[in-house]
Amino acid sequence: MVIDFKCPMCGAGMEYDSELGKLECDSCGHTQDIESAPETEQEQSIEVTPFDGSQIPDEAIITEEFEEKEPSVYTEEQEFFCNGCGAAIVTEPEVSATHCPYCGSAVAFKARLTGQYAPDKVIPFMISKKEAQDLFRKWAKNGILSPKDFMTEKRLGEITGVYVPFWLYDMNVSAEADCLCGKKRSYRKGDYIYHETKYYHVYRRAYLSYHKVPADASVKMDDETMDCLEPYNYTKLKNFSPEYLAGFQAEKYGPDAEELQPRAKERVRKYAEKYLADSIRGYSSVTYQKKECLINRANEFYTLLPVWTLHYEYKGEKQTYTMNGQTGKIIGKAPVSGGRVAKWAGILYGGSLAILALLTYLVI
């Protein structure tokens, strides 16, 4: 079954407008709010603070809770039919929302957004296509050695908004460190300088809670690139509704929550160890005799996060540039044109000769 987004006033297709935060019809200008069911928070013993990858949370004692989801039967459909023009839409299995290639209508595929593939949360696009183009254009100006056709108007017109699947984990950590720490001091006595080291037994234990730890579940996007696009502001999470996908592409997850759990746990382990290390201060040396982190997954949320993508091919090499659709952060390396390098080298060389000649004239 195909979900389309028709205007109730004129019947034309509607798309999500990131500035208005509503569906908008380009034909008649009608706007429509997206209704979401009220949020239901699980009972917890502490206040939930979103993890943004840039800070270590405060120490907290928590009660661990697990949520079990009912199993669902899912059958993959390979061919869908547009409700607008009736044309067959054939997509890759991981695509859950796109445009009809014949009439341009924004469509979503219900079978890929329900059952086990029903997203829990979504962060809507906060940056419009025009804003994304302007940001890419500004960023590209720094690449003075890039080819002339890099980020042209035609190229920028190909920018695509994609909702990338992520798992967000809530995790609880019991972290422990047992150390032998030294303090050095030096002092003079007569003609001699003495160096003294005193050793102390230092013990740390902390109960930590990390919330919304991200791990991307896309089969297309590079993990390292998705990590670099962080942080997202998870206070802007909304209950999922298909209307947020109108006008954008979307993927359903590849790896499930169990498969990606080790990756999320490794991130949490590093942050917990840093938390302990930062608490041991004032010593000239620290030798760990024991360091342990016990990590339990308390909950997970299947979430769609907004990403603008732009593809560019130069001398047979394909490159993808990505932008955080909420913050505007851009990840990518501008290509370098050999011709422009030679041109700038000539300009710099010629300028150097002119300066040298002027200095020689002044000296004479």
Protein backbone atom coordinates (compact mmCIF):
# COMPACT_ATOMS: atom_id res chain seq x y z
CA MET A 1 0.00 0.00 0.00
CA VAL A 2 1.22 3.50 -0.89
CA ILE A 3 0.62 6.46 1.45
CA ASP A 4 0.32 9.75 -0.42
CA PHE A 5 -0.17 13.25 0.92
CA LYS A 6 -3.01 14.93 -0.99
CA CYS A 7 -4.20 18.47 -0.32
CA PRO A 8 -7.79 18.37 1.03
CA MET A 9 -8.52 21.67 -0.75
CA CYS A 10 -7.29 21.11 -4.31
CA GLY A 11 -6.11 17.49 -4.45
CA ALA A 12 -2.51 18.36 -5.34
CA GLY A 13 0.44 16.78 -3.54
CA MET A 14 1.60 18.23 -0.23
CA GLU A 15 5.12 18.20 1.22
CA TYR A 16 6.58 18.86 4.65
CA ASP A 17 7.83 22.44 5.04
CA SER A 18 10.75 22.63 7.50
CA GLU A 19 10.22 26.35 8.18
CA LEU A 20 6.50 26.06 8.93
CA GLY A 21 6.73 22.64 10.57
CA LYS A 22 3.59 21.69 8.61
CA LEU A 23 2.50 20.06 5.37
CA GLU A 24 2.13 22.65 2.60
CA CYS A 25 0.49 22.53 -0.81
CA ASP A 26 2.52 24.29 -3.53
CA SER A 27 -0.58 24.63 -5.71
CA CYS A 28 -3.04 26.46 -3.44
CA GLY A 29 -0.87 27.30 -0.42
CA HIS A 30 -2.98 25.31 2.03
CA THR A 31 -1.10 24.20 5.18
CA GLN A 32 -1.92 21.35 7.51
CA ASP A 33 -0.67 20.52 11.00
CA ILE A 34 0.85 17.13 11.72
CA GLU A 35 -0.99 15.54 14.59
CA SER A 36 1.07 13.29 16.84
CA ALA A 37 -0.09 11.10 19.66
CA PRO A 38 0.94 12.38 23.11
CA GLU A 39 4.33 11.16 24.28
CA THR A 40 4.33 8.35 26.81
CA GLU A 41 7.45 8.30 28.94
CA GLN A 42 8.49 5.16 30.79
CA GLU A 43 8.69 5.52 34.56
CA GLN A 44 12.29 6.14 35.63
CA SER A 45 14.05 6.94 38.86
CA ILE A 46 15.91 9.94 37.39
CA GLU A 47 15.22 12.70 34.92
CA VAL A 48 16.06 11.75 31.33
CA THR A 49 18.74 13.94 29.76
CA PRO A 50 19.46 13.52 26.02
CA PHE A 51 22.98 12.37 25.11
CA ASP A 52 24.49 14.66 22.46
CA GLY A 53 27.97 13.14 22.19
CA SER A 54 29.65 16.27 23.58
CA GLN A 55 29.38 15.78 27.34
CA ILE A 56 29.64 13.23 30.11
CA PRO A 57 26.43 12.96 32.16
CA ASP A 58 26.38 13.45 35.92
CA GLU A 59 26.64 10.45 38.20
CA ALA A 60 23.24 8.97 38.94
CA ILE A 61 21.74 5.82 40.44
CA ILE A 62 18.97 4.40 38.28
CA THR A 63 16.49 1.58 38.18
CA GLU A 64 16.98 -0.59 35.12
CA GLU A 65 13.93 -1.25 32.97
CA PHE A 66 13.41 -3.23 29.79
CA GLU A 67 10.71 -2.94 27.17
CA GLU A 68 9.65 -5.93 25.11
CA LYS A 69 7.97 -5.40 21.75
CA GLU A 70 5.37 -7.72 20.33
CA PRO A 71 6.65 -9.72 17.35
CA SER A 72 5.14 -8.76 14.04
CA VAL A 73 4.75 -10.46 10.70
CA TYR A 74 6.33 -8.53 7.83
CA THR A 75 6.13 -9.28 4.13
CA GLU A 76 8.33 -7.29 1.75
CA GLU A 77 6.57 -5.82 -1.28
CA GLN A 78 8.72 -5.15 -4.30
CA GLU A 79 6.30 -3.12 -6.45
CA PHE A 80 3.96 -0.30 -5.46
CA PHE A 81 1.47 1.79 -7.43
CA CYS A 82 1.19 5.55 -7.19
CA ASN A 83 -2.25 6.71 -6.04
CA GLY A 84 -1.86 9.88 -8.13
CA CYS A 85 -1.07 8.55 -11.60
CA GLY A 86 -1.32 4.79 -11.17
CA ALA A 87 2.24 4.16 -12.32
CA ALA A 88 4.25 1.30 -10.85
CA ILE A 89 6.98 2.40 -8.44
CA VAL A 90 9.86 -0.05 -8.08
CA THR A 91 12.38 0.80 -5.35
CA GLU A 92 15.26 -0.76 -3.49
CA PRO A 93 14.05 -2.83 -0.51
CA GLU A 94 15.43 -0.41 2.09
CA VAL A 95 13.59 2.68 0.70
CA SER A 96 10.50 3.59 2.74
CA ALA A 97 9.65 7.02 1.24
CA THR A 98 10.42 8.76 -2.05
CA HIS A 99 8.82 10.61 -5.00
CA CYS A 100 6.85 9.02 -7.82
CA PRO A 101 9.25 9.22 -10.82
CA TYR A 102 6.30 9.90 -13.18
CA CYS A 103 4.11 12.52 -11.51
CA GLY A 104 6.46 13.72 -8.74
CA SER A 105 4.05 12.99 -5.89
CA ALA A 106 5.57 12.41 -2.47
CA VAL A 107 4.81 8.82 -1.40
CA ALA A 108 5.59 6.52 1.53
CA PHE A 109 5.33 2.73 1.57
CA LYS A 110 3.16 1.56 4.45
CA ALA A 111 4.57 -1.99 4.55
CA ARG A 112 8.01 -0.52 5.25
CA LEU A 113 6.81 1.77 8.03
CA THR A 114 4.68 -0.61 10.09
CA GLY A 115 5.18 -3.69 12.26
CA GLN A 116 8.82 -4.19 13.15
CA TYR A 117 9.75 -1.31 10.82
CA ALA A 118 7.52 1.28 12.50
CA PRO A 119 9.76 4.15 13.72
CA ASP A 120 9.32 5.28 17.32
CA LYS A 121 10.66 8.82 16.89
CA VAL A 122 11.73 11.33 14.26
CA ILE A 123 13.60 14.63 14.15
CA PRO A 124 12.00 16.60 11.30
CA PHE A 125 14.11 18.59 8.85
CA MET A 126 14.85 22.00 10.36
CA ILE A 127 16.81 23.23 7.32
CA SER A 128 14.92 23.71 4.05
CA LYS A 129 16.30 22.74 0.66
CA LYS A 130 17.06 26.38 -0.20
CA GLU A 131 18.87 26.89 3.10
CA ALA A 132 20.85 23.71 2.53
CA GLN A 133 21.85 24.88 -0.96
CA ASP A 134 23.00 28.24 0.45
CA LEU A 135 25.06 26.51 3.14
CA PHE A 136 26.67 24.15 0.61
CA ARG A 137 27.40 27.14 -1.66
CA LYS A 138 29.06 29.06 1.18
CA TRP A 139 31.07 26.01 2.22
CA ALA A 140 32.24 25.37 -1.37
CA LYS A 141 33.69 28.90 -1.66
CA ASN A 142 36.52 27.80 0.61
CA GLY A 143 37.60 25.28 -2.03
CA ILE A 144 39.51 27.66 -4.34
CA LEU A 145 41.29 24.68 -5.94
CA SER A 146 38.05 22.81 -6.73
CA PRO A 147 36.86 22.23 -10.34
CA LYS A 148 34.69 24.96 -11.88
CA ASP A 149 31.58 22.79 -12.00
CA PHE A 150 31.81 21.93 -8.30
CA MET A 151 28.64 23.15 -6.54
CA THR A 152 27.14 24.85 -9.60
CA GLU A 153 23.44 25.78 -9.55
CA LYS A 154 22.65 22.66 -11.57
CA ARG A 155 24.62 20.52 -9.17
CA LEU A 156 22.99 22.08 -6.12
CA GLY A 157 19.59 21.35 -7.63
CA GLU A 158 20.32 17.64 -7.17
CA ILE A 159 20.53 17.87 -3.38
CA THR A 160 18.38 15.23 -1.68
CA GLY A 161 16.82 15.13 1.78
CA VAL A 162 17.00 11.67 3.36
CA TYR A 163 15.72 10.39 6.68
CA VAL A 164 18.45 8.03 7.89
CA PRO A 165 17.52 5.21 10.32
CA PHE A 166 19.20 5.22 13.74
CA TRP A 167 18.87 3.28 16.94
CA LEU A 168 18.99 5.48 20.05
CA TYR A 169 19.88 3.58 23.22
CA ASP A 170 19.38 4.29 26.90
CA MET A 171 22.17 2.55 28.82
CA ASN A 172 23.11 2.16 32.48
CA VAL A 173 26.71 1.76 33.59
CA SER A 174 28.37 0.57 36.78
CA ALA A 175 31.97 1.81 36.41
CA GLU A 176 34.86 1.00 38.74
CA ALA A 177 38.53 1.99 38.85
CA ASP A 178 41.25 0.90 41.31
CA CYS A 179 44.52 2.83 40.90
CA LEU A 180 47.94 3.42 42.33
CA CYS A 181 48.65 7.13 41.97
CA GLY A 182 51.87 9.01 42.53
CA LYS A 183 52.69 12.56 43.59
CA LYS A 184 56.19 13.85 42.86
CA ARG A 185 57.99 16.71 44.50
CA SER A 186 61.52 18.02 44.21
CA TYR A 187 63.47 20.02 46.80
CA ARG A 188 67.02 21.23 47.44
CA LYS A 189 68.96 20.39 50.56
CA GLY A 190 72.48 21.71 50.68
CA ASP A 191 74.25 20.92 47.44
CA TYR A 192 71.79 18.22 46.50
CA ILE A 193 68.39 18.14 44.76
CA TYR A 194 66.07 15.43 46.03
CA HIS A 195 63.14 13.90 44.10
CA GLU A 196 60.43 12.31 46.19
CA THR A 197 57.38 10.31 45.09
CA LYS A 198 54.54 9.39 47.43
CA TYR A 199 52.03 6.77 46.37
CA TYR A 200 48.32 6.64 47.17
CA HIS A 201 45.67 4.03 46.70
CA VAL A 202 42.77 5.66 44.80
CA TYR A 203 39.41 4.04 44.24
CA ARG A 204 36.47 5.33 42.18
CA ARG A 205 33.02 3.86 41.59
CA ALA A 206 30.18 5.51 39.68
CA TYR A 207 26.67 4.61 38.55
CA LEU A 208 26.00 6.39 35.29
CA SER A 209 23.03 6.78 32.98
CA TYR A 210 23.43 7.61 29.29
CA HIS A 211 20.40 8.52 27.18
CA LYS A 212 19.81 8.56 23.42
CA VAL A 213 23.21 7.10 22.46
CA PRO A 214 23.09 6.98 18.63
CA ALA A 215 24.13 4.22 16.21
CA ASP A 216 23.12 4.54 12.56
CA ALA A 217 21.31 1.57 11.04
CA SER A 218 21.60 2.59 7.39
CA VAL A 219 22.89 0.12 4.81
CA LYS A 220 23.87 2.98 2.48
CA MET A 221 25.43 5.62 4.69
CA ASP A 222 28.98 5.34 5.98
CA ASP A 223 29.15 4.87 9.78
CA GLU A 224 32.08 7.24 10.23
CA THR A 225 30.32 9.97 8.23
CA MET A 226 27.16 9.60 10.30
CA ASP A 227 29.22 9.84 13.51
CA CYS A 228 30.84 13.05 12.24
CA LEU A 229 27.42 14.62 11.58
CA GLU A 230 26.63 14.55 15.29
CA PRO A 231 25.42 15.98 17.52
CA TYR A 232 21.67 16.16 16.99
CA ASN A 233 19.47 17.94 19.50
CA TYR A 234 17.35 15.09 20.83
CA THR A 235 15.05 17.41 22.77
CA LYS A 236 13.44 18.02 19.35
CA LEU A 237 12.41 14.37 18.94
CA LYS A 238 8.78 13.87 17.96
CA ASN A 239 6.53 10.85 17.84
CA PHE A 240 6.74 9.44 14.33
CA SER A 241 4.08 10.28 11.76
CA PRO A 242 4.39 9.48 8.01
CA GLU A 243 3.57 13.12 7.16
CA TYR A 244 7.11 14.15 8.19
CA LEU A 245 8.42 12.10 5.26
CA ALA A 246 6.39 13.98 2.62
CA GLY A 247 8.81 15.40 0.04
CA PHE A 248 11.84 13.47 1.33
CA GLN A 249 13.38 10.08 0.90
CA ALA A 250 13.63 7.64 3.79
CA GLU A 251 15.33 4.35 4.56
CA LYS A 252 14.21 1.56 6.85
CA TYR A 253 16.84 0.09 9.13
CA GLY A 254 19.21 -2.68 8.09
CA PRO A 255 20.92 -3.92 11.29
CA ASP A 256 18.46 -4.28 14.15
CA ALA A 257 18.90 -3.09 17.75
CA GLU A 258 20.62 -6.31 18.84
CA GLU A 259 23.19 -6.15 16.03
CA LEU A 260 24.15 -2.53 16.74
CA GLN A 261 24.17 -2.85 20.52
CA PRO A 262 27.94 -3.66 20.74
CA ARG A 263 28.79 -0.48 18.83
CA ALA A 264 26.69 1.66 21.17
CA LYS A 265 28.14 -0.11 24.23
CA GLU A 266 31.68 0.62 23.04
CA ARG A 267 30.86 4.33 22.82
CA VAL A 268 29.37 4.27 26.30
CA ARG A 269 32.37 2.39 27.70
CA LYS A 270 34.77 5.09 26.39
CA TYR A 271 32.67 7.89 27.89
CA ALA A 272 32.38 6.10 31.24
CA GLU A 273 36.14 5.50 31.38
CA LYS A 274 36.75 9.17 30.60
CA TYR A 275 34.35 10.12 33.37
CA LEU A 276 36.37 8.07 35.86
CA ALA A 277 39.71 9.34 34.55
CA ASP A 278 38.57 12.97 34.84
CA SER A 279 37.66 12.36 38.49
CA ILE A 280 41.25 11.36 39.37
CA ARG A 281 43.14 14.64 39.54
CA GLY A 282 46.24 16.11 41.15
CA TYR A 283 48.55 13.14 40.59
CA SER A 284 51.67 12.96 38.46
CA SER A 285 51.12 9.30 37.59
CA VAL A 286 48.13 6.95 37.51
CA THR A 287 48.50 3.18 37.20
CA TYR A 288 45.26 1.24 36.85
CA GLN A 289 45.16 -2.02 38.80
CA LYS A 290 41.53 -2.58 37.87
CA LYS A 291 39.18 -0.86 35.44
CA GLU A 292 35.73 -2.26 34.75
CA CYS A 293 32.49 -1.08 33.15
CA LEU A 294 29.33 -3.16 33.40
CA ILE A 295 26.85 -1.88 30.81
CA ASN A 296 23.16 -2.76 30.55
CA ARG A 297 20.80 -1.65 27.79
CA ALA A 298 17.68 -0.18 29.34
CA ASN A 299 15.76 0.85 26.23
CA GLU A 300 16.07 1.64 22.54
CA PHE A 301 14.18 3.81 20.07
CA TYR A 302 14.03 3.28 16.32
CA THR A 303 14.46 6.84 15.04
CA LEU A 304 14.73 8.69 11.71
CA LEU A 305 17.21 11.59 11.57
CA PRO A 306 17.39 14.22 8.77
CA VAL A 307 20.38 14.34 6.39
CA TRP A 308 20.90 16.34 3.18
CA THR A 309 23.07 14.51 0.62
CA LEU A 310 24.82 15.66 -2.53
CA HIS A 311 26.75 13.42 -4.93
CA TYR A 312 29.62 14.55 -7.15
CA GLU A 313 31.77 12.61 -9.62
CA TYR A 314 35.20 13.93 -10.65
CA LYS A 315 37.58 11.98 -12.90
CA GLY A 316 35.66 8.77 -12.30
CA GLU A 317 35.73 9.13 -8.53
CA LYS A 318 32.37 9.42 -6.77
CA GLN A 319 32.10 11.51 -3.61
CA THR A 320 29.16 12.14 -1.29
CA TYR A 321 28.69 15.30 0.73
CA THR A 322 26.35 15.22 3.71
CA MET A 323 24.73 17.83 5.92
CA ASN A 324 22.99 17.49 9.25
CA GLY A 325 19.40 18.44 8.38
CA GLN A 326 18.86 19.94 11.83
CA THR A 327 22.09 21.89 12.51
CA GLY A 328 23.61 22.47 9.03
CA LYS A 329 26.93 20.78 9.87
CA ILE A 330 28.65 19.63 6.62
CA ILE A 331 30.93 16.63 6.17
CA GLY A 332 33.01 16.17 3.01
CA LYS A 333 36.28 17.04 1.33
CA ALA A 334 36.24 19.30 -1.73
CA PRO A 335 37.92 17.83 -4.86
CA VAL A 336 41.13 19.42 -6.17
CA SER A 337 41.56 20.35 -9.84
CA GLY A 338 45.10 19.87 -11.21
CA GLY A 339 44.56 22.74 -13.65
CA ARG A 340 43.56 25.17 -10.90
CA VAL A 341 46.51 24.07 -8.78
CA ALA A 342 48.87 24.88 -11.68
CA LYS A 343 47.11 28.22 -12.23
CA TRP A 344 47.46 29.29 -8.60
CA ALA A 345 51.04 28.04 -8.48
CA GLY A 346 51.80 30.25 -11.51
CA ILE A 347 50.14 33.25 -9.89
CA LEU A 348 52.07 32.76 -6.65
CA TYR A 349 55.35 32.16 -8.51
CA GLY A 350 54.82 35.28 -10.65
CA GLY A 351 53.98 37.31 -7.56
CA SER A 352 57.13 36.09 -5.81
CA LEU A 353 59.29 37.12 -8.78
CA ALA A 354 57.70 40.59 -8.85
CA ILE A 355 58.35 41.10 -5.13
CA LEU A 356 61.96 39.88 -5.55
CA ALA A 357 62.53 42.28 -8.46
CA LEU A 358 61.10 45.18 -6.44
CA LEU A 359 63.32 44.40 -3.46
CA THR A 360 66.37 44.16 -5.73
CA TYR A 361 65.52 47.57 -7.26
CA LEU A 362 65.15 49.13 -3.82
CA VAL A 363 68.48 47.73 -2.61
CA ILE A 364 70.30 48.99 -5.68
